[in-house]
Amino acid sequence: MTRRKKTRSLADKVQIRTGKRKDFKKWRHENPDQVTSSTRFTQKKRQQRKLQAARKLARQAAGESIAIHPDDKHGGTSGEENND
């Protein structure tokens, strides 16, 4: 007899419950309070979000600032030119 490969897939969790994926989906839909993410997954996602926020702040700090609404006296092109 061959060994079964260890996985973290949904299929293994289904076999533990009732043996059918459709039954597991139904059970999961009916019992949302019992379905939670693993602590490992939530910690991993929290860490990823922290890294993403840090990278975003670094990009914002490194970028040059631009005048979104420049003053008219600085030659802003608003579409109206004064040709006197």
Protein backbone atom coordinates (compact mmCIF):
# COMPACT_ATOMS: atom_id res chain seq x y z
CA MET A 1 0.00 0.00 0.00
CA THR A 2 1.33 3.42 -0.90
CA ARG A 3 1.58 6.30 1.49
CA ARG A 4 -0.77 9.25 1.11
CA LYS A 5 0.93 12.55 0.51
CA LYS A 6 0.50 15.11 3.29
CA THR A 7 -1.34 18.18 2.04
CA ARG A 8 -3.17 21.14 3.41
CA SER A 9 -5.75 20.98 0.67
CA LEU A 10 -9.49 21.25 1.04
CA ALA A 11 -9.92 17.61 0.00
CA ASP A 12 -8.45 16.31 3.26
CA LYS A 13 -10.74 18.48 5.34
CA VAL A 14 -13.71 17.26 3.35
CA GLN A 15 -12.94 13.63 4.06
CA ILE A 16 -12.80 14.38 7.77
CA ARG A 17 -16.31 15.88 7.71
CA THR A 18 -18.57 13.80 5.50
CA GLY A 19 -16.56 12.60 2.56
CA LYS A 20 -18.08 14.90 -0.06
CA ARG A 21 -16.99 18.37 -1.04
CA LYS A 22 -20.57 19.51 -1.62
CA ASP A 23 -21.51 18.44 1.90
CA PHE A 24 -18.58 20.36 3.33
CA LYS A 25 -19.54 23.51 1.41
CA LYS A 26 -23.08 23.18 2.72
CA TRP A 27 -21.87 22.62 6.29
CA ARG A 28 -19.52 25.60 6.02
CA HIS A 29 -22.34 27.79 4.74
CA GLU A 30 -24.67 26.70 7.56
CA ASN A 31 -22.05 27.07 10.32
CA PRO A 32 -20.07 30.24 9.65
CA ASP A 33 -19.22 30.67 13.34
CA GLN A 34 -17.33 27.36 13.43
CA VAL A 35 -15.29 28.11 10.31
CA THR A 36 -12.18 30.11 11.15
CA SER A 37 -8.85 30.65 9.49
CA SER A 38 -5.84 28.97 11.04
CA THR A 39 -3.64 31.09 13.30
CA ARG A 40 -0.72 30.44 10.97
CA PHE A 41 -2.66 31.87 8.02
CA THR A 42 -3.85 34.96 9.91
CA GLN A 43 -0.35 35.67 11.21
CA LYS A 44 1.08 35.29 7.72
CA LYS A 45 -1.50 37.67 6.24
CA ARG A 46 -0.98 40.21 9.03
CA GLN A 47 2.76 40.18 8.36
CA GLN A 48 2.19 40.58 4.62
CA ARG A 49 -0.06 43.58 5.20
CA LYS A 50 2.54 45.20 7.47
CA LEU A 51 5.22 44.74 4.81
CA GLN A 52 2.93 46.11 2.13
CA ALA A 53 2.14 49.21 4.21
CA ALA A 54 5.85 49.78 4.93
CA ARG A 55 6.69 49.53 1.22
CA LYS A 56 3.90 51.97 0.36
CA LEU A 57 5.15 54.51 2.91
CA ALA A 58 8.70 54.13 1.59
CA ARG A 59 7.50 54.75 -1.97
CA GLN A 60 5.55 57.82 -0.89
CA ALA A 61 8.54 59.23 1.00
CA ALA A 62 10.91 58.59 -1.92
CA GLY A 63 8.67 60.16 -4.54
CA GLU A 64 8.85 63.83 -5.44
CA SER A 65 5.96 66.05 -4.47
CA ILE A 66 4.00 67.78 -7.21
CA ALA A 67 1.66 70.74 -7.05
CA ILE A 68 -1.80 69.37 -7.69
CA HIS A 69 -3.41 72.81 -8.00
CA PRO A 70 -0.65 75.16 -9.13
CA ASP A 71 -1.17 78.91 -8.81
CA ASP A 72 -2.14 80.83 -11.95
CA LYS A 73 0.84 83.17 -11.58
CA HIS A 74 3.26 80.23 -11.96
CA GLY A 75 2.14 79.51 -15.50
CA GLY A 76 -0.49 76.89 -14.83
CA THR A 77 -2.21 75.59 -17.95
CA SER A 78 -5.87 75.84 -17.10
CA GLY A 79 -6.97 76.18 -20.73
CA GLU A 80 -7.44 79.95 -20.59
CA GLU A 81 -4.56 81.99 -21.98
CA ASN A 82 -4.37 85.77 -21.69
CA ASN A 83 -2.98 87.18 -24.91
CA ASP A 84 -2.92 90.97 -24.34
